[in-house]
């Protein structure tokens, strides 16, 4: 049901958390990349946090959060990425 997606967020965090779905907050995220409609097939992260500072090399977690026009929210499974 791709046409039902109204907004998406890629959440990059130090560790996985379900708070993003339960509390609808991004405050614990290191970086949130946002967009409207269907997410693109490729997203490039510049390795920076919300303030624009470069993060240290480490393993980080990321997930995609989708919002529907009907008010639904869906959080993907968390995956890991390594920044060198």
Protein backbone atom coordinates (compact mmCIF):
# COMPACT_ATOMS: atom_id res chain seq x y z
CA UNK A 1 0.00 0.00 0.00
CA UNK A 2 2.69 2.45 -1.01
CA UNK A 3 0.19 5.18 -1.85
CA UNK A 4 -0.82 5.30 1.82
CA UNK A 5 2.60 6.50 3.04
CA UNK A 6 2.45 10.19 3.90
CA UNK A 7 5.81 10.66 5.60
CA UNK A 8 8.96 8.68 6.38
CA UNK A 9 11.90 9.03 8.75
CA UNK A 10 15.23 7.25 8.87
CA UNK A 11 16.27 7.18 12.52
CA UNK A 12 19.97 6.76 13.32
CA UNK A 13 20.69 6.00 16.97
CA UNK A 14 23.41 4.67 19.25
CA UNK A 15 21.19 1.68 20.02
CA UNK A 16 17.77 0.31 19.00
CA UNK A 17 14.71 1.59 20.84
CA UNK A 18 10.95 1.16 20.52
CA UNK A 19 10.40 4.67 21.98
CA UNK A 20 10.21 6.13 18.48
CA UNK A 21 7.02 4.21 17.79
CA UNK A 22 5.48 4.33 21.26
CA UNK A 23 6.19 7.98 22.12
CA UNK A 24 6.48 9.44 18.62
CA UNK A 25 9.63 11.31 19.59
CA UNK A 26 13.02 11.63 17.94
CA UNK A 27 14.83 13.21 20.91
CA UNK A 28 17.10 10.21 21.53
CA UNK A 29 18.08 9.92 17.88
CA UNK A 30 21.52 10.98 16.76
CA UNK A 31 20.15 11.92 13.34
CA UNK A 32 16.76 11.84 11.66
CA UNK A 33 16.43 12.08 7.88
CA UNK A 34 12.86 12.93 6.84
CA UNK A 35 10.79 13.02 3.73
CA UNK A 36 7.25 13.00 2.34
CA UNK A 37 5.57 10.26 0.34
CA UNK A 38 7.35 7.07 -0.65
CA UNK A 39 10.95 6.79 0.67
CA UNK A 40 13.68 6.72 -1.99
CA UNK A 41 15.43 3.43 -2.67
CA UNK A 42 18.80 4.89 -1.62
CA UNK A 43 19.53 7.35 1.19
CA UNK A 44 23.01 8.68 1.87
CA UNK A 45 23.91 9.67 5.42
CA UNK A 46 26.80 12.11 5.79
CA UNK A 47 27.89 10.71 9.20
CA UNK A 48 26.76 13.83 11.04
CA UNK A 49 24.39 14.29 13.96
CA UNK A 50 21.40 16.66 14.11
CA UNK A 51 23.69 19.60 15.01
CA UNK A 52 25.93 18.95 12.00
CA UNK A 53 28.88 17.53 13.97
CA UNK A 54 30.66 14.48 12.59
CA UNK A 55 30.07 11.37 14.73
CA UNK A 56 32.92 9.15 15.88
CA UNK A 57 33.65 5.92 14.03
CA UNK A 58 31.45 3.25 15.63
CA UNK A 59 28.53 0.90 15.08
CA UNK A 60 25.18 2.64 14.91
CA UNK A 61 21.61 1.40 14.55
CA UNK A 62 19.03 2.61 12.07
CA UNK A 63 15.37 1.99 11.32
CA UNK A 64 12.71 3.46 9.09
CA UNK A 65 9.52 4.88 10.53
CA UNK A 66 6.56 5.23 8.17
CA UNK A 67 3.43 7.30 8.72
CA UNK A 68 0.24 6.71 6.75
CA UNK A 69 -2.42 9.19 5.71
CA UNK A 70 -4.81 7.33 8.02
CA UNK A 71 -2.62 8.00 11.09
CA UNK A 72 -0.84 4.63 11.24
CA UNK A 73 2.83 4.33 12.25
CA UNK A 74 5.14 1.48 11.34
CA UNK A 75 8.70 1.01 12.61
CA UNK A 76 10.98 -1.40 10.73
CA UNK A 77 13.36 -3.77 12.42
CA UNK A 78 16.60 -2.14 13.52
CA UNK A 79 19.74 -2.79 11.49
CA UNK A 80 23.35 -1.94 12.17
CA UNK A 81 25.77 0.13 10.16
CA UNK A 82 29.45 0.74 10.80
CA UNK A 83 30.92 4.15 10.31
CA UNK A 84 34.67 4.14 9.84
